[in-house]
Amino acid sequence: MFKILRYVKIFLITVCLLFACHTSAPPEFKRPPLKVEFTSFVGEYSGIIAQKKGFFKAQGVDVELIHKRYIQLEQANFSAGKYDGISLALGSFIILSATNPDIQGVVVINESTGADVVVAQSQIKTVADLKGKKLGANLGGFSEVFVTEMLKTANLTSDDVNLVKVEASDIPQRLKNNIIQAGHTWQPHLSEAIKLGGHILFSSKQTPGLILDMIVFRGETIRDRPEDIRAFVRGWLQATTYWKANVQEGNAIISKALKIPSNTISLKGVNLIDLSENQKLFQSSNPNSIYKTAKIYADFFIRSGNLTRIPELKSLFNSSFLNPPS
């Protein structure tokens, strides 16, 4: 009898201990990292600083940044659900929304104020000299709008040139091989093009407010993980502020992460958009709002046949992640 009681006592103590351990250390249901893709434009590199300085984790979210070179392929991967978020130029976002209506831009990360350029062969001295020449651009996105705005300055239209579909990273070699005579690109590809004899013909300094980059998330992620997206935006904007105040250190972090020379990393011609600027851009009453710029792109794409209907612009932008949690 005593032996049975002893066994019962041991059993009860064991159960109590197991229960105590269970209640004091509940299992963690860890969420997968947010997968966000970006490309090779310097204005998209704040995320690297946020990752390396621990800003995302400090805000409470794990982030997996994916660096890729060819944006159009990555847009297809994003559409297929491979990524939660992607950095996109505003014009490219408008185009993508036509086939992916359930996506939203949540934060503007930069404005190009000279970083986007059309680089040309040495014999092309002015924009007017492009008449009848081959002009490279990533057609069907913001690149096409940018070169069209450039042509307007010389009273030319896209009918006056031969537009050739070329990725920004391929512009230097296409110029060298005379496949095109001018093309739209940015750093670090610009440095390569200049080394090969090219020169800057036109820049986004002459098209203020036109070229903006955003982080765009899939609707499914926005609905399922709003707090993670809010934390992501906070971490990104924290990195933007940090980089502006610590340019050399920020450049060094990026150089090491991407294994590229630090002298090819420059914020010249790039305005990193902070929280207060974002809040202004998302105000529809602001004459320079993102809605106004988005309509410029939408109207252009309707005229060019890239869109068959104007998207509902109000539904494409979600400013709620810029505000503190309620």
C-alpha atoms as a PDB file:
ATOM      1  CA  MET A   1       0.000   0.000   0.000  1.00  0.00           C
ATOM      2  CA  PHE A   2       2.768   2.420   0.954  1.00  0.00           C
ATOM      3  CA  LYS A   3       4.589   1.510  -2.231  1.00  0.00           C
ATOM      4  CA  ILE A   4       1.530   2.357  -4.334  1.00  0.00           C
ATOM      5  CA  LEU A   5       1.094   5.677  -2.574  1.00  0.00           C
ATOM      6  CA  ARG A   6       4.739   6.499  -3.141  1.00  0.00           C
ATOM      7  CA  TYR A   7       4.362   5.833  -6.870  1.00  0.00           C
ATOM      8  CA  VAL A   8       1.221   7.973  -7.019  1.00  0.00           C
ATOM      9  CA  LYS A   9       3.059  10.769  -5.204  1.00  0.00           C
ATOM     10  CA  ILE A  10       6.007  10.578  -7.628  1.00  0.00           C
ATOM     11  CA  PHE A  11       3.583  10.580 -10.569  1.00  0.00           C
ATOM     12  CA  LEU A  12       1.743  13.668  -9.276  1.00  0.00           C
ATOM     13  CA  ILE A  13       5.004  15.532  -8.643  1.00  0.00           C
ATOM     14  CA  THR A  14       6.198  14.706 -12.178  1.00  0.00           C
ATOM     15  CA  VAL A  15       2.918  15.921 -13.693  1.00  0.00           C
ATOM     16  CA  CYS A  16       3.123  19.142 -11.677  1.00  0.00           C
ATOM     17  CA  LEU A  17       6.708  19.754 -12.760  1.00  0.00           C
ATOM     18  CA  LEU A  18       5.855  19.163 -16.405  1.00  0.00           C
ATOM     19  CA  PHE A  19       2.870  21.473 -16.146  1.00  0.00           C
ATOM     20  CA  ALA A  20       4.967  24.155 -14.438  1.00  0.00           C
ATOM     21  CA  CYS A  21       7.611  23.948 -17.175  1.00  0.00           C
ATOM     22  CA  HIS A  22       4.917  24.154 -19.816  1.00  0.00           C
ATOM     23  CA  THR A  23       3.250  27.234 -18.332  1.00  0.00           C
ATOM     24  CA  SER A  24       6.454  29.122 -17.603  1.00  0.00           C
ATOM     25  CA  ALA A  25       7.905  28.653 -21.111  1.00  0.00           C
ATOM     26  CA  PRO A  26       5.100  28.518 -23.681  1.00  0.00           C
ATOM     27  CA  PRO A  27       6.173  27.369 -27.160  1.00  0.00           C
ATOM     28  CA  GLU A  28       6.997  30.140 -29.620  1.00  0.00           C
ATOM     29  CA  PHE A  29       5.166  30.107 -32.913  1.00  0.00           C
ATOM     30  CA  LYS A  30       7.781  31.969 -34.891  1.00  0.00           C
ATOM     31  CA  ARG A  31       6.571  33.752 -37.998  1.00  0.00           C
ATOM     32  CA  PRO A  32       8.608  33.313 -41.170  1.00  0.00           C
ATOM     33  CA  PRO A  33      10.676  36.320 -42.238  1.00  0.00           C
ATOM     34  CA  LEU A  34       9.143  38.874 -44.559  1.00  0.00           C
ATOM     35  CA  LYS A  35      10.732  38.255 -47.959  1.00  0.00           C
ATOM     36  CA  VAL A  36      11.417  41.561 -49.711  1.00  0.00           C
ATOM     37  CA  GLU A  37      13.237  41.863 -53.055  1.00  0.00           C
ATOM     38  CA  PHE A  38      15.272  44.881 -54.199  1.00  0.00           C
ATOM     39  CA  THR A  39      17.540  45.673 -57.154  1.00  0.00           C
ATOM     40  CA  SER A  40      20.744  47.566 -57.863  1.00  0.00           C
ATOM     41  CA  PHE A  41      19.637  51.192 -57.421  1.00  0.00           C
ATOM     42  CA  VAL A  42      21.348  52.970 -54.531  1.00  0.00           C
ATOM     43  CA  GLY A  43      18.081  54.492 -53.319  1.00  0.00           C
ATOM     44  CA  GLU A  44      16.893  50.969 -52.416  1.00  0.00           C
ATOM     45  CA  TYR A  45      19.809  50.224 -50.090  1.00  0.00           C
ATOM     46  CA  SER A  46      18.395  51.561 -46.801  1.00  0.00           C
ATOM     47  CA  GLY A  47      17.056  48.068 -46.196  1.00  0.00           C
ATOM     48  CA  ILE A  48      20.600  46.684 -46.085  1.00  0.00           C
ATOM     49  CA  ILE A  49      21.498  49.135 -43.314  1.00  0.00           C
ATOM     50  CA  ALA A  50      18.283  48.274 -41.444  1.00  0.00           C
ATOM     51  CA  GLN A  51      19.232  44.605 -41.663  1.00  0.00           C
ATOM     52  CA  LYS A  52      22.891  44.944 -40.682  1.00  0.00           C
ATOM     53  CA  LYS A  53      22.264  47.447 -37.867  1.00  0.00           C
ATOM     54  CA  GLY A  54      19.476  45.306 -36.445  1.00  0.00           C
ATOM     55  CA  PHE A  55      16.747  47.935 -36.943  1.00  0.00           C
ATOM     56  CA  PHE A  56      14.196  45.449 -38.324  1.00  0.00           C
ATOM     57  CA  LYS A  57      14.688  43.016 -35.438  1.00  0.00           C
ATOM     58  CA  ALA A  58      14.581  45.847 -32.899  1.00  0.00           C
ATOM     59  CA  GLN A  59      11.170  46.783 -34.303  1.00  0.00           C
ATOM     60  CA  GLY A  60      10.027  43.181 -33.940  1.00  0.00           C
ATOM     61  CA  VAL A  61      10.183  41.673 -37.420  1.00  0.00           C
ATOM     62  CA  ASP A  62      12.467  39.240 -39.209  1.00  0.00           C
ATOM     63  CA  VAL A  63      13.236  40.303 -42.772  1.00  0.00           C
ATOM     64  CA  GLU A  64      14.899  38.388 -45.581  1.00  0.00           C
ATOM     65  CA  LEU A  65      16.224  40.806 -48.185  1.00  0.00           C
ATOM     66  CA  ILE A  66      16.747  39.383 -51.661  1.00  0.00           C
ATOM     67  CA  HIS A  67      19.043  41.318 -54.011  1.00  0.00           C
ATOM     68  CA  LYS A  68      18.458  40.657 -57.714  1.00  0.00           C
ATOM     69  CA  ARG A  69      19.633  42.314 -60.907  1.00  0.00           C
ATOM     70  CA  TYR A  70      16.787  41.918 -63.399  1.00  0.00           C
ATOM     71  CA  ILE A  71      13.677  43.655 -62.146  1.00  0.00           C
ATOM     72  CA  GLN A  72      11.192  42.381 -64.743  1.00  0.00           C
ATOM     73  CA  LEU A  73      11.906  38.735 -63.903  1.00  0.00           C
ATOM     74  CA  GLU A  74      11.523  39.557 -60.203  1.00  0.00           C
ATOM     75  CA  GLN A  75       8.177  41.235 -60.818  1.00  0.00           C
ATOM     76  CA  ALA A  76       6.983  37.931 -62.253  1.00  0.00           C
ATOM     77  CA  ASN A  77       8.329  36.101 -59.185  1.00  0.00           C
ATOM     78  CA  PHE A  78       6.555  38.607 -56.922  1.00  0.00           C
ATOM     79  CA  SER A  79       3.313  38.086 -58.836  1.00  0.00           C
ATOM     80  CA  ALA A  80       3.730  34.329 -58.392  1.00  0.00           C
ATOM     81  CA  GLY A  81       3.974  34.758 -54.601  1.00  0.00           C
ATOM     82  CA  LYS A  82       7.710  34.135 -54.240  1.00  0.00           C
ATOM     83  CA  TYR A  83       8.153  37.393 -52.275  1.00  0.00           C
ATOM     84  CA  ASP A  84       5.980  39.258 -49.777  1.00  0.00           C
ATOM     85  CA  GLY A  85       7.240  42.659 -50.895  1.00  0.00           C
ATOM     86  CA  ILE A  86       9.272  44.265 -53.651  1.00  0.00           C
ATOM     87  CA  SER A  87      10.856  47.637 -54.363  1.00  0.00           C
ATOM     88  CA  LEU A  88       9.352  49.180 -57.474  1.00  0.00           C
ATOM     89  CA  ALA A  89       9.491  52.448 -59.345  1.00  0.00           C
ATOM     90  CA  LEU A  90       6.076  54.107 -59.192  1.00  0.00           C
ATOM     91  CA  GLY A  91       5.530  53.690 -62.938  1.00  0.00           C
ATOM     92  CA  SER A  92       6.389  49.987 -62.834  1.00  0.00           C
ATOM     93  CA  PHE A  93       4.036  49.580 -59.870  1.00  0.00           C
ATOM     94  CA  ILE A  94       1.167  51.104 -61.873  1.00  0.00           C
ATOM     95  CA  ILE A  95       1.792  48.666 -64.733  1.00  0.00           C
ATOM     96  CA  LEU A  96       2.071  45.658 -62.419  1.00  0.00           C
ATOM     97  CA  SER A  97      -1.181  46.572 -60.678  1.00  0.00           C
ATOM     98  CA  ALA A  98      -3.068  45.991 -63.934  1.00  0.00           C
ATOM     99  CA  THR A  99      -2.430  42.249 -63.678  1.00  0.00           C
ATOM    100  CA  ASN A 100      -2.071  42.177 -59.879  1.00  0.00           C
ATOM    101  CA  PRO A 101      -4.826  44.375 -58.430  1.00  0.00           C
ATOM    102  CA  ASP A 102      -4.318  42.963 -54.918  1.00  0.00           C
ATOM    103  CA  ILE A 103      -1.050  44.799 -54.193  1.00  0.00           C
ATOM    104  CA  GLN A 104      -0.412  48.085 -52.378  1.00  0.00           C
ATOM    105  CA  GLY A 105       2.411  50.586 -52.017  1.00  0.00           C
ATOM    106  CA  VAL A 106       3.057  51.253 -48.322  1.00  0.00           C
ATOM    107  CA  VAL A 107       6.076  53.580 -48.216  1.00  0.00           C
ATOM    108  CA  VAL A 108       7.996  55.809 -50.646  1.00  0.00           C
ATOM    109  CA  ILE A 109      11.700  55.102 -50.214  1.00  0.00           C
ATOM    110  CA  ASN A 110      13.384  57.580 -52.547  1.00  0.00           C
ATOM    111  CA  GLU A 111      13.056  60.198 -55.242  1.00  0.00           C
ATOM    112  CA  SER A 112      15.542  60.367 -58.078  1.00  0.00           C
ATOM    113  CA  THR A 113      16.783  63.963 -58.301  1.00  0.00           C
ATOM    114  CA  GLY A 114      19.572  63.368 -60.819  1.00  0.00           C
ATOM    115  CA  ALA A 115      20.538  59.730 -60.272  1.00  0.00           C
ATOM    116  CA  ASP A 116      18.579  58.456 -63.275  1.00  0.00           C
ATOM    117  CA  VAL A 117      20.325  59.473 -66.477  1.00  0.00           C
ATOM    118  CA  VAL A 118      20.319  58.998 -70.194  1.00  0.00           C
ATOM    119  CA  VAL A 119      23.900  58.280 -71.162  1.00  0.00           C
ATOM    120  CA  ALA A 120      24.954  58.645 -74.792  1.00  0.00           C
ATOM    121  CA  GLN A 121      27.787  57.956 -77.181  1.00  0.00           C
ATOM    122  CA  SER A 122      30.233  60.805 -77.672  1.00  0.00           C
ATOM    123  CA  GLN A 123      28.801  61.926 -81.031  1.00  0.00           C
ATOM    124  CA  ILE A 124      25.356  62.539 -79.461  1.00  0.00           C
ATOM    125  CA  LYS A 125      25.797  66.045 -78.069  1.00  0.00           C
ATOM    126  CA  THR A 126      22.176  67.098 -77.493  1.00  0.00           C
ATOM    127  CA  VAL A 127      18.778  65.451 -77.091  1.00  0.00           C
ATOM    128  CA  ALA A 128      17.912  66.667 -80.598  1.00  0.00           C
ATOM    129  CA  ASP A 129      20.794  64.537 -81.936  1.00  0.00           C
ATOM    130  CA  LEU A 130      18.830  61.431 -80.940  1.00  0.00           C
ATOM    131  CA  LYS A 131      16.471  61.844 -83.898  1.00  0.00           C
ATOM    132  CA  GLY A 132      16.577  58.644 -85.918  1.00  0.00           C
ATOM    133  CA  LYS A 133      18.884  56.959 -83.384  1.00  0.00           C
ATOM    134  CA  LYS A 134      18.382  53.891 -81.176  1.00  0.00           C
ATOM    135  CA  LEU A 135      17.456  54.752 -77.594  1.00  0.00           C
ATOM    136  CA  GLY A 136      17.554  52.040 -74.935  1.00  0.00           C
ATOM    137  CA  ALA A 137      15.027  51.946 -72.088  1.00  0.00           C
ATOM    138  CA  ASN A 138      13.133  49.411 -70.025  1.00  0.00           C
ATOM    139  CA  LEU A 139       9.943  49.791 -72.026  1.00  0.00           C
ATOM    140  CA  GLY A 140       6.549  49.409 -70.414  1.00  0.00           C
ATOM    141  CA  GLY A 141       7.533  51.057 -67.125  1.00  0.00           C
ATOM    142  CA  PHE A 142       8.801  54.299 -65.608  1.00  0.00           C
ATOM    143  CA  SER A 143      11.867  54.187 -67.879  1.00  0.00           C
ATOM    144  CA  GLU A 144       9.734  54.735 -70.955  1.00  0.00           C
ATOM    145  CA  VAL A 145       7.985  57.712 -69.355  1.00  0.00           C
ATOM    146  CA  PHE A 146      11.345  59.212 -68.342  1.00  0.00           C
ATOM    147  CA  VAL A 147      12.881  59.045 -71.838  1.00  0.00           C
ATOM    148  CA  THR A 148       9.629  60.367 -73.337  1.00  0.00           C
ATOM    149  CA  GLU A 149       9.807  63.390 -71.018  1.00  0.00           C
ATOM    150  CA  MET A 150      13.416  63.905 -72.138  1.00  0.00           C
ATOM    151  CA  LEU A 151      12.445  63.796 -75.821  1.00  0.00           C
ATOM    152  CA  LYS A 152       9.788  66.478 -75.193  1.00  0.00           C
ATOM    153  CA  THR A 153      12.537  68.940 -74.232  1.00  0.00           C
ATOM    154  CA  ALA A 154      13.772  68.822 -77.843  1.00  0.00           C
ATOM    155  CA  ASN A 155      10.243  68.752 -79.320  1.00  0.00           C
ATOM    156  CA  LEU A 156      10.677  65.085 -80.200  1.00  0.00           C
ATOM    157  CA  THR A 157       8.390  62.117 -79.579  1.00  0.00           C
ATOM    158  CA  SER A 158       9.052  58.391 -79.360  1.00  0.00           C
ATOM    159  CA  ASP A 159       8.197  58.225 -83.080  1.00  0.00           C
ATOM    160  CA  ASP A 160      11.330  60.275 -83.809  1.00  0.00           C
ATOM    161  CA  VAL A 161      13.658  57.631 -82.322  1.00  0.00           C
ATOM    162  CA  ASN A 162      13.937  53.856 -82.334  1.00  0.00           C
ATOM    163  CA  LEU A 163      13.104  52.724 -78.801  1.00  0.00           C
ATOM    164  CA  VAL A 164      14.896  49.497 -77.867  1.00  0.00           C
ATOM    165  CA  LYS A 165      14.010  47.410 -74.797  1.00  0.00           C
ATOM    166  CA  VAL A 166      17.165  47.257 -72.626  1.00  0.00           C
ATOM    167  CA  GLU A 167      17.697  46.723 -68.880  1.00  0.00           C
ATOM    168  CA  ALA A 168      19.662  49.493 -67.119  1.00  0.00           C
ATOM    169  CA  SER A 169      22.481  47.063 -66.271  1.00  0.00           C
ATOM    170  CA  ASP A 170      22.995  46.205 -69.955  1.00  0.00           C
ATOM    171  CA  ILE A 171      23.200  49.806 -71.234  1.00  0.00           C
ATOM    172  CA  PRO A 172      27.048  50.154 -71.047  1.00  0.00           C
ATOM    173  CA  GLN A 173      27.783  47.125 -73.249  1.00  0.00           C
ATOM    174  CA  ARG A 174      24.973  47.939 -75.703  1.00  0.00           C
ATOM    175  CA  LEU A 175      26.456  51.429 -76.111  1.00  0.00           C
ATOM    176  CA  LYS A 176      29.938  50.011 -76.588  1.00  0.00           C
ATOM    177  CA  ASN A 177      28.710  47.556 -79.222  1.00  0.00           C
ATOM    178  CA  ASN A 178      26.707  50.312 -80.985  1.00  0.00           C
ATOM    179  CA  ILE A 179      23.461  48.369 -80.569  1.00  0.00           C
ATOM    180  CA  ILE A 180      22.059  51.621 -79.168  1.00  0.00           C
ATOM    181  CA  GLN A 181      23.367  55.196 -79.254  1.00  0.00           C
ATOM    182  CA  ALA A 182      21.896  56.270 -75.908  1.00  0.00           C
ATOM    183  CA  GLY A 183      20.094  54.671 -72.981  1.00  0.00           C
ATOM    184  CA  HIS A 184      18.552  55.130 -69.553  1.00  0.00           C
ATOM    185  CA  THR A 185      20.594  53.825 -66.604  1.00  0.00           C
ATOM    186  CA  TRP A 186      21.953  54.646 -63.138  1.00  0.00           C
ATOM    187  CA  GLN A 187      24.850  53.814 -60.844  1.00  0.00           C
ATOM    188  CA  PRO A 188      26.820  51.596 -60.733  1.00  0.00           C
ATOM    189  CA  HIS A 189      26.159  51.012 -64.447  1.00  0.00           C
ATOM    190  CA  LEU A 190      26.641  54.716 -65.214  1.00  0.00           C
ATOM    191  CA  SER A 191      30.295  54.606 -64.118  1.00  0.00           C
ATOM    192  CA  GLU A 192      30.871  51.658 -66.427  1.00  0.00           C
ATOM    193  CA  ALA A 193      29.223  53.464 -69.336  1.00  0.00           C
ATOM    194  CA  ILE A 194      31.371  56.570 -68.804  1.00  0.00           C
ATOM    195  CA  LYS A 195      34.538  54.430 -68.657  1.00  0.00           C
ATOM    196  CA  LEU A 196      33.540  53.048 -72.053  1.00  0.00           C
ATOM    197  CA  GLY A 197      33.263  56.546 -73.539  1.00  0.00           C
ATOM    198  CA  GLY A 198      29.686  57.542 -72.770  1.00  0.00           C
ATOM    199  CA  HIS A 199      28.522  60.847 -71.280  1.00  0.00           C
ATOM    200  CA  ILE A 200      25.433  62.098 -69.463  1.00  0.00           C
ATOM    201  CA  LEU A 201      22.934  63.608 -71.868  1.00  0.00           C
ATOM    202  CA  PHE A 202      19.950  64.117 -69.526  1.00  0.00           C
ATOM    203  CA  SER A 203      19.105  63.434 -65.878  1.00  0.00           C
ATOM    204  CA  SER A 204      16.141  63.186 -63.533  1.00  0.00           C
ATOM    205  CA  LYS A 205      17.187  66.529 -62.071  1.00  0.00           C
ATOM    206  CA  GLN A 206      15.256  67.893 -65.048  1.00  0.00           C
ATOM    207  CA  THR A 207      12.096  65.901 -64.181  1.00  0.00           C
ATOM    208  CA  PRO A 208      11.450  66.724 -60.485  1.00  0.00           C
ATOM    209  CA  GLY A 209       8.999  64.448 -58.707  1.00  0.00           C
ATOM    210  CA  LEU A 210       8.656  62.033 -61.614  1.00  0.00           C
ATOM    211  CA  ILE A 211      10.761  59.076 -60.467  1.00  0.00           C
ATOM    212  CA  LEU A 212       9.812  57.669 -57.069  1.00  0.00           C
ATOM    213  CA  ASP A 213      10.538  54.207 -55.677  1.00  0.00           C
ATOM    214  CA  MET A 214       8.206  52.407 -53.286  1.00  0.00           C
ATOM    215  CA  ILE A 215       7.976  49.231 -51.284  1.00  0.00           C
ATOM    216  CA  VAL A 216       4.949  47.276 -52.470  1.00  0.00           C
ATOM    217  CA  PHE A 217       3.402  44.355 -50.592  1.00  0.00           C
ATOM    218  CA  ARG A 218       1.007  41.620 -51.645  1.00  0.00           C
ATOM    219  CA  GLY A 219      -2.529  42.043 -50.310  1.00  0.00           C
ATOM    220  CA  GLU A 220      -2.393  38.643 -48.629  1.00  0.00           C
ATOM    221  CA  THR A 221       0.640  39.722 -46.559  1.00  0.00           C
ATOM    222  CA  ILE A 222      -0.957  43.079 -45.718  1.00  0.00           C
ATOM    223  CA  ARG A 223      -4.065  41.332 -44.382  1.00  0.00           C
ATOM    224  CA  ASP A 224      -2.237  38.516 -42.547  1.00  0.00           C
ATOM    225  CA  ARG A 225       0.759  40.410 -41.131  1.00  0.00           C
ATOM    226  CA  PRO A 226      -0.063  44.114 -40.715  1.00  0.00           C
ATOM    227  CA  GLU A 227       2.073  44.534 -37.587  1.00  0.00           C
ATOM    228  CA  ASP A 228       5.073  42.974 -39.320  1.00  0.00           C
ATOM    229  CA  ILE A 229       4.695  45.409 -42.209  1.00  0.00           C
ATOM    230  CA  ARG A 230       4.361  48.310 -39.771  1.00  0.00           C
ATOM    231  CA  ALA A 231       7.582  47.146 -38.070  1.00  0.00           C
ATOM    232  CA  PHE A 232       9.276  46.786 -41.464  1.00  0.00           C
ATOM    233  CA  VAL A 233       8.378  50.366 -42.426  1.00  0.00           C
ATOM    234  CA  ARG A 234       9.623  51.697 -39.070  1.00  0.00           C
ATOM    235  CA  GLY A 235      12.911  49.810 -39.450  1.00  0.00           C
ATOM    236  CA  TRP A 236      13.379  51.025 -43.032  1.00  0.00           C
ATOM    237  CA  LEU A 237      12.730  54.655 -42.153  1.00  0.00           C
ATOM    238  CA  GLN A 238      15.034  54.380 -39.141  1.00  0.00           C
ATOM    239  CA  ALA A 239      17.785  53.209 -41.507  1.00  0.00           C
ATOM    240  CA  THR A 240      17.052  56.093 -43.886  1.00  0.00           C
ATOM    241  CA  THR A 241      17.537  58.599 -41.058  1.00  0.00           C
ATOM    242  CA  TYR A 242      20.694  56.807 -39.925  1.00  0.00           C
ATOM    243  CA  TRP A 243      22.219  56.725 -43.423  1.00  0.00           C
ATOM    244  CA  LYS A 244      21.584  60.429 -43.996  1.00  0.00           C
ATOM    245  CA  ALA A 245      23.407  61.218 -40.743  1.00  0.00           C
ATOM    246  CA  ASN A 246      26.208  58.659 -41.254  1.00  0.00           C
ATOM    247  CA  VAL A 247      26.842  58.567 -44.996  1.00  0.00           C
ATOM    248  CA  GLN A 248      30.332  57.044 -44.963  1.00  0.00           C
ATOM    249  CA  GLU A 249      29.457  54.328 -42.460  1.00  0.00           C
ATOM    250  CA  GLY A 250      26.258  53.563 -44.330  1.00  0.00           C
ATOM    251  CA  ASN A 251      28.159  53.289 -47.606  1.00  0.00           C
ATOM    252  CA  ALA A 252      30.710  50.972 -45.973  1.00  0.00           C
ATOM    253  CA  ILE A 253      27.938  48.671 -44.679  1.00  0.00           C
ATOM    254  CA  ILE A 254      26.401  48.470 -48.161  1.00  0.00           C
ATOM    255  CA  SER A 255      29.769  47.970 -49.858  1.00  0.00           C
ATOM    256  CA  LYS A 256      30.558  45.008 -47.629  1.00  0.00           C
ATOM    257  CA  ALA A 257      27.086  43.453 -47.910  1.00  0.00           C
ATOM    258  CA  LEU A 258      26.869  43.662 -51.698  1.00  0.00           C
ATOM    259  CA  LYS A 259      30.608  43.214 -52.347  1.00  0.00           C
ATOM    260  CA  ILE A 260      30.783  46.338 -54.503  1.00  0.00           C
ATOM    261  CA  PRO A 261      33.367  49.168 -54.334  1.00  0.00           C
ATOM    262  CA  SER A 262      32.317  51.901 -51.919  1.00  0.00           C
ATOM    263  CA  ASN A 263      33.226  54.558 -54.500  1.00  0.00           C
ATOM    264  CA  THR A 264      30.333  53.337 -56.667  1.00  0.00           C
ATOM    265  CA  ILE A 265      27.865  54.052 -53.844  1.00  0.00           C
ATOM    266  CA  SER A 266      26.682  57.642 -53.849  1.00  0.00           C
ATOM    267  CA  LEU A 267      23.530  59.422 -52.729  1.00  0.00           C
ATOM    268  CA  LYS A 268      24.203  62.224 -55.190  1.00  0.00           C
ATOM    269  CA  GLY A 269      20.988  62.782 -57.106  1.00  0.00           C
ATOM    270  CA  VAL A 270      18.959  60.657 -54.658  1.00  0.00           C
ATOM    271  CA  ASN A 271      16.602  61.976 -52.000  1.00  0.00           C
ATOM    272  CA  LEU A 272      15.939  59.298 -49.377  1.00  0.00           C
ATOM    273  CA  ILE A 273      12.349  59.903 -48.301  1.00  0.00           C
ATOM    274  CA  ASP A 274      11.802  60.105 -44.530  1.00  0.00           C
ATOM    275  CA  LEU A 275       8.609  59.745 -42.484  1.00  0.00           C
ATOM    276  CA  SER A 276       7.437  63.361 -42.687  1.00  0.00           C
ATOM    277  CA  GLU A 277       8.000  63.504 -46.460  1.00  0.00           C
ATOM    278  CA  ASN A 278       6.092  60.235 -46.829  1.00  0.00           C
ATOM    279  CA  GLN A 279       3.135  61.577 -44.899  1.00  0.00           C
ATOM    280  CA  LYS A 280       3.001  64.596 -47.218  1.00  0.00           C
ATOM    281  CA  LEU A 281       3.295  62.478 -50.368  1.00  0.00           C
ATOM    282  CA  PHE A 282       0.370  60.289 -49.259  1.00  0.00           C
ATOM    283  CA  GLN A 283      -1.918  63.308 -48.731  1.00  0.00           C
ATOM    284  CA  SER A 284      -4.177  63.512 -51.777  1.00  0.00           C
ATOM    285  CA  SER A 285      -4.667  67.244 -51.175  1.00  0.00           C
ATOM    286  CA  ASN A 286      -0.942  67.859 -51.639  1.00  0.00           C
ATOM    287  CA  PRO A 287      -0.283  69.228 -55.174  1.00  0.00           C
ATOM    288  CA  ASN A 288       2.858  67.051 -55.305  1.00  0.00           C
ATOM    289  CA  SER A 289       1.128  63.953 -53.937  1.00  0.00           C
ATOM    290  CA  ILE A 290       1.903  60.455 -55.087  1.00  0.00           C
ATOM    291  CA  TYR A 291      -1.628  60.267 -56.526  1.00  0.00           C
ATOM    292  CA  LYS A 292      -0.900  63.116 -58.933  1.00  0.00           C
ATOM    293  CA  THR A 293       2.336  61.510 -60.134  1.00  0.00           C
ATOM    294  CA  ALA A 294       0.635  58.109 -60.403  1.00  0.00           C
ATOM    295  CA  LYS A 295      -2.010  59.643 -62.676  1.00  0.00           C
ATOM    296  CA  ILE A 296       0.732  60.970 -64.995  1.00  0.00           C
ATOM    297  CA  TYR A 297       1.970  57.419 -65.404  1.00  0.00           C
ATOM    298  CA  ALA A 298      -1.499  55.897 -65.727  1.00  0.00           C
ATOM    299  CA  ASP A 299      -2.494  58.401 -68.428  1.00  0.00           C
ATOM    300  CA  PHE A 300       0.750  57.738 -70.326  1.00  0.00           C
ATOM    301  CA  PHE A 301       0.283  53.962 -70.184  1.00  0.00           C
ATOM    302  CA  ILE A 302      -3.312  54.284 -71.393  1.00  0.00           C
ATOM    303  CA  ARG A 303      -2.138  56.347 -74.387  1.00  0.00           C
ATOM    304  CA  SER A 304       0.699  53.953 -75.170  1.00  0.00           C
ATOM    305  CA  GLY A 305      -1.520  50.883 -74.905  1.00  0.00           C
ATOM    306  CA  ASN A 306       0.278  49.372 -71.903  1.00  0.00           C
ATOM    307  CA  LEU A 307      -2.930  49.723 -69.873  1.00  0.00           C
ATOM    308  CA  THR A 308      -6.481  49.231 -71.089  1.00  0.00           C
ATOM    309  CA  ARG A 309      -8.113  50.983 -68.141  1.00  0.00           C
ATOM    310  CA  ILE A 310      -7.024  53.519 -65.539  1.00  0.00           C
ATOM    311  CA  PRO A 311      -6.497  51.781 -62.180  1.00  0.00           C
ATOM    312  CA  GLU A 312      -8.319  52.925 -59.038  1.00  0.00           C
ATOM    313  CA  LEU A 313      -5.359  54.901 -57.688  1.00  0.00           C
ATOM    314  CA  LYS A 314      -6.794  55.394 -54.192  1.00  0.00           C
ATOM    315  CA  SER A 315      -6.829  51.620 -53.640  1.00  0.00           C
ATOM    316  CA  LEU A 316      -3.187  51.197 -54.705  1.00  0.00           C
ATOM    317  CA  PHE A 317      -1.688  53.154 -51.814  1.00  0.00           C
ATOM    318  CA  ASN A 318      -1.935  52.326 -48.111  1.00  0.00           C
ATOM    319  CA  SER A 319      -0.654  55.028 -45.768  1.00  0.00           C
ATOM    320  CA  SER A 320      -1.791  53.265 -42.585  1.00  0.00           C
ATOM    321  CA  PHE A 321       1.669  51.773 -41.988  1.00  0.00           C
ATOM    322  CA  LEU A 322       3.175  55.238 -41.705  1.00  0.00           C
ATOM    323  CA  ASN A 323       1.095  55.997 -38.621  1.00  0.00           C
ATOM    324  CA  PRO A 324       1.813  54.799 -35.083  1.00  0.00           C
ATOM    325  CA  PRO A 325      -0.271  51.777 -33.991  1.00  0.00           C
ATOM    326  CA  SER A 326      -3.681  52.780 -32.653  1.00  0.00           C
END
